[in-house]
Amino acid sequence: LYKGYSMEMSMWLPKKLHLLKKIACLRQAGSSLPCDILEKVEGIQDKWHLLERTLGEKTRDTIAGPSGAGTCDLLSPESSSLVRQLEVRIKELKGWMRDTELFIFNSCLLQEKEGTME
């Protein structure tokens, strides 16, 4: 799961860097930037660093060895619960599919057997 987040961050990195370059160019040109723009850029940088730090910690924990933490530990408690429920439902659906395939297979065998007996 953390690999997916890391991949997404790497996809957004060029856009983030482009935005920061534009802001730096505008500052160097002496343009007056609205305060809310500067606050938003600062917020983006803060969140970015927080995500990097969090992902780095989770990556180190995973690389260091199994600590008993599953992928659900990276999610909020509500999301983790939903993921577990989904996993249970997927298992149920796989069982249903296996039973249905077996029923169809047996029905085909029965039809073949009845066809050869006639």
C-alpha atoms as a PDB file:
ATOM      1  CA  LEU A   1       0.000   0.000   0.000  1.00  0.00           C
ATOM      2  CA  TYR A   2       2.773   2.421   0.879  1.00  0.00           C
ATOM      3  CA  LYS A   3       4.327   1.696  -2.540  1.00  0.00           C
ATOM      4  CA  GLY A   4       1.166   2.997  -4.179  1.00  0.00           C
ATOM      5  CA  TYR A   5       1.306   6.178  -2.149  1.00  0.00           C
ATOM      6  CA  SER A   6       5.002   6.601  -2.929  1.00  0.00           C
ATOM      7  CA  MET A   7       4.275   6.073  -6.608  1.00  0.00           C
ATOM      8  CA  GLU A   8       1.522   8.678  -6.530  1.00  0.00           C
ATOM      9  CA  MET A   9       3.807  11.151  -4.785  1.00  0.00           C
ATOM     10  CA  SER A  10       6.496  10.574  -7.405  1.00  0.00           C
ATOM     11  CA  MET A  11       3.898  11.307 -10.101  1.00  0.00           C
ATOM     12  CA  TRP A  12       2.973  14.597  -8.413  1.00  0.00           C
ATOM     13  CA  LEU A  13       6.558  15.649  -7.669  1.00  0.00           C
ATOM     14  CA  PRO A  14       7.200  17.300 -11.081  1.00  0.00           C
ATOM     15  CA  LYS A  15       4.025  19.377 -10.724  1.00  0.00           C
ATOM     16  CA  LYS A  16       4.972  20.414  -7.209  1.00  0.00           C
ATOM     17  CA  LEU A  17       8.464  21.393  -8.336  1.00  0.00           C
ATOM     18  CA  HIS A  18       7.029  23.306 -11.304  1.00  0.00           C
ATOM     19  CA  LEU A  19       4.716  25.241  -8.981  1.00  0.00           C
ATOM     20  CA  LEU A  20       7.561  26.059  -6.587  1.00  0.00           C
ATOM     21  CA  LYS A  21       9.746  27.214  -9.509  1.00  0.00           C
ATOM     22  CA  LYS A  22       7.000  29.514 -10.763  1.00  0.00           C
ATOM     23  CA  ILE A  23       6.554  31.010  -7.296  1.00  0.00           C
ATOM     24  CA  ALA A  24      10.333  31.494  -6.975  1.00  0.00           C
ATOM     25  CA  CYS A  25      10.488  33.149 -10.414  1.00  0.00           C
ATOM     26  CA  LEU A  26       7.641  35.494  -9.514  1.00  0.00           C
ATOM     27  CA  ARG A  27       9.377  36.406  -6.246  1.00  0.00           C
ATOM     28  CA  GLN A  28      12.694  37.037  -8.026  1.00  0.00           C
ATOM     29  CA  ALA A  29      10.917  39.208 -10.581  1.00  0.00           C
ATOM     30  CA  GLY A  30       9.689  41.319  -7.693  1.00  0.00           C
ATOM     31  CA  SER A  31       6.044  40.456  -8.234  1.00  0.00           C
ATOM     32  CA  SER A  32       3.794  40.951  -5.284  1.00  0.00           C
ATOM     33  CA  LEU A  33       2.036  37.689  -4.490  1.00  0.00           C
ATOM     34  CA  PRO A  34      -1.209  37.510  -2.527  1.00  0.00           C
ATOM     35  CA  CYS A  35      -0.818  36.206   1.010  1.00  0.00           C
ATOM     36  CA  ASP A  36      -3.273  33.367   0.432  1.00  0.00           C
ATOM     37  CA  ILE A  37      -1.099  32.044  -2.435  1.00  0.00           C
ATOM     38  CA  LEU A  38       1.960  32.025  -0.205  1.00  0.00           C
ATOM     39  CA  GLU A  39      -0.022  30.345   2.590  1.00  0.00           C
ATOM     40  CA  LYS A  40      -1.279  27.673   0.200  1.00  0.00           C
ATOM     41  CA  VAL A  41       2.198  26.998  -1.137  1.00  0.00           C
ATOM     42  CA  GLU A  42       3.526  26.746   2.409  1.00  0.00           C
ATOM     43  CA  GLY A  43       0.659  24.380   3.264  1.00  0.00           C
ATOM     44  CA  ILE A  44       1.506  22.217   0.248  1.00  0.00           C
ATOM     45  CA  GLN A  45       5.146  22.045   1.306  1.00  0.00           C
ATOM     46  CA  ASP A  46       4.236  21.196   4.914  1.00  0.00           C
ATOM     47  CA  LYS A  47       1.848  18.429   3.863  1.00  0.00           C
ATOM     48  CA  TRP A  48       4.367  17.102   1.359  1.00  0.00           C
ATOM     49  CA  HIS A  49       7.081  16.849   4.029  1.00  0.00           C
ATOM     50  CA  LEU A  50       4.648  15.212   6.436  1.00  0.00           C
ATOM     51  CA  LEU A  51       3.682  12.618   3.811  1.00  0.00           C
ATOM     52  CA  GLU A  52       7.325  11.938   2.983  1.00  0.00           C
ATOM     53  CA  ARG A  53       8.176  11.508   6.654  1.00  0.00           C
ATOM     54  CA  THR A  54       5.157   9.252   7.296  1.00  0.00           C
ATOM     55  CA  LEU A  55       5.821   7.102   4.248  1.00  0.00           C
ATOM     56  CA  GLY A  56       9.497   6.935   5.153  1.00  0.00           C
ATOM     57  CA  GLU A  57       8.637   5.656   8.625  1.00  0.00           C
ATOM     58  CA  LYS A  58       6.215   3.053   7.262  1.00  0.00           C
ATOM     59  CA  THR A  59       8.749   1.989   4.635  1.00  0.00           C
ATOM     60  CA  ARG A  60      11.478   1.585   7.246  1.00  0.00           C
ATOM     61  CA  ASP A  61       9.121  -0.416   9.477  1.00  0.00           C
ATOM     62  CA  THR A  62       8.267  -2.735   6.611  1.00  0.00           C
ATOM     63  CA  ILE A  63      11.870  -3.111   5.449  1.00  0.00           C
ATOM     64  CA  ALA A  64      13.131  -3.650   8.993  1.00  0.00           C
ATOM     65  CA  GLY A  65      10.972  -6.744   9.265  1.00  0.00           C
ATOM     66  CA  PRO A  66       7.474  -7.806  10.063  1.00  0.00           C
ATOM     67  CA  SER A  67       6.296  -5.948  13.109  1.00  0.00           C
ATOM     68  CA  GLY A  68       2.870  -7.473  12.985  1.00  0.00           C
ATOM     69  CA  ALA A  69       1.611  -4.428  11.148  1.00  0.00           C
ATOM     70  CA  GLY A  70      -0.536  -5.118   8.121  1.00  0.00           C
ATOM     71  CA  THR A  71      -1.402  -2.817   5.280  1.00  0.00           C
ATOM     72  CA  CYS A  72      -4.544  -1.787   7.164  1.00  0.00           C
ATOM     73  CA  ASP A  73      -2.361  -0.088   9.786  1.00  0.00           C
ATOM     74  CA  LEU A  74      -1.560   2.629   7.259  1.00  0.00           C
ATOM     75  CA  LEU A  75      -5.249   3.526   7.007  1.00  0.00           C
ATOM     76  CA  SER A  76      -7.628   5.234   9.360  1.00  0.00           C
ATOM     77  CA  PRO A  77      -9.584   2.910  11.684  1.00  0.00           C
ATOM     78  CA  GLU A  78     -12.743   3.376   9.615  1.00  0.00           C
ATOM     79  CA  SER A  79     -10.917   2.586   6.364  1.00  0.00           C
ATOM     80  CA  SER A  80      -9.200  -0.411   7.948  1.00  0.00           C
ATOM     81  CA  SER A  81     -12.566  -1.781   9.017  1.00  0.00           C
ATOM     82  CA  LEU A  82     -13.946  -1.314   5.527  1.00  0.00           C
ATOM     83  CA  VAL A  83     -10.924  -3.048   3.998  1.00  0.00           C
ATOM     84  CA  ARG A  84     -11.343  -6.019   6.340  1.00  0.00           C
ATOM     85  CA  GLN A  85     -15.050  -6.226   5.522  1.00  0.00           C
ATOM     86  CA  LEU A  86     -14.217  -6.091   1.832  1.00  0.00           C
ATOM     87  CA  GLU A  87     -11.642  -8.868   2.201  1.00  0.00           C
ATOM     88  CA  VAL A  88     -14.240 -11.058   3.956  1.00  0.00           C
ATOM     89  CA  ARG A  89     -16.777 -10.329   1.213  1.00  0.00           C
ATOM     90  CA  ILE A  90     -14.217 -11.164  -1.485  1.00  0.00           C
ATOM     91  CA  LYS A  91     -13.543 -14.520   0.193  1.00  0.00           C
ATOM     92  CA  GLU A  92     -17.280 -15.201   0.268  1.00  0.00           C
ATOM     93  CA  LEU A  93     -17.610 -14.305  -3.402  1.00  0.00           C
ATOM     94  CA  LYS A  94     -14.672 -16.540  -4.332  1.00  0.00           C
ATOM     95  CA  GLY A  95     -16.333 -19.420  -2.493  1.00  0.00           C
ATOM     96  CA  TRP A  96     -19.620 -18.742  -4.252  1.00  0.00           C
ATOM     97  CA  MET A  97     -17.844 -18.611  -7.619  1.00  0.00           C
ATOM     98  CA  ARG A  98     -16.032 -21.881  -6.916  1.00  0.00           C
ATOM     99  CA  ASP A  99     -19.331 -23.555  -5.948  1.00  0.00           C
ATOM    100  CA  THR A 100     -21.098 -22.140  -9.020  1.00  0.00           C
ATOM    101  CA  GLU A 101     -18.336 -23.300 -11.363  1.00  0.00           C
ATOM    102  CA  LEU A 102     -18.461 -26.754  -9.787  1.00  0.00           C
ATOM    103  CA  PHE A 103     -22.265 -26.865 -10.171  1.00  0.00           C
ATOM    104  CA  ILE A 104     -22.014 -25.875 -13.846  1.00  0.00           C
ATOM    105  CA  PHE A 105     -19.256 -28.404 -14.467  1.00  0.00           C
ATOM    106  CA  ASN A 106     -21.249 -31.181 -12.801  1.00  0.00           C
ATOM    107  CA  SER A 107     -24.368 -30.194 -14.766  1.00  0.00           C
ATOM    108  CA  CYS A 108     -22.423 -30.428 -18.013  1.00  0.00           C
ATOM    109  CA  LEU A 109     -21.053 -33.835 -17.033  1.00  0.00           C
ATOM    110  CA  LEU A 110     -24.559 -35.011 -16.168  1.00  0.00           C
ATOM    111  CA  GLN A 111     -25.896 -33.829 -19.530  1.00  0.00           C
ATOM    112  CA  GLU A 112     -23.046 -35.546 -21.367  1.00  0.00           C
ATOM    113  CA  LYS A 113     -23.650 -38.729 -19.430  1.00  0.00           C
ATOM    114  CA  GLU A 114     -27.402 -38.661 -20.163  1.00  0.00           C
ATOM    115  CA  GLY A 115     -26.684 -37.907 -23.840  1.00  0.00           C
ATOM    116  CA  THR A 116     -24.392 -40.912 -24.213  1.00  0.00           C
ATOM    117  CA  MET A 117     -26.820 -43.229 -22.452  1.00  0.00           C
ATOM    118  CA  GLU A 118     -29.615 -42.561 -24.948  1.00  0.00           C
END
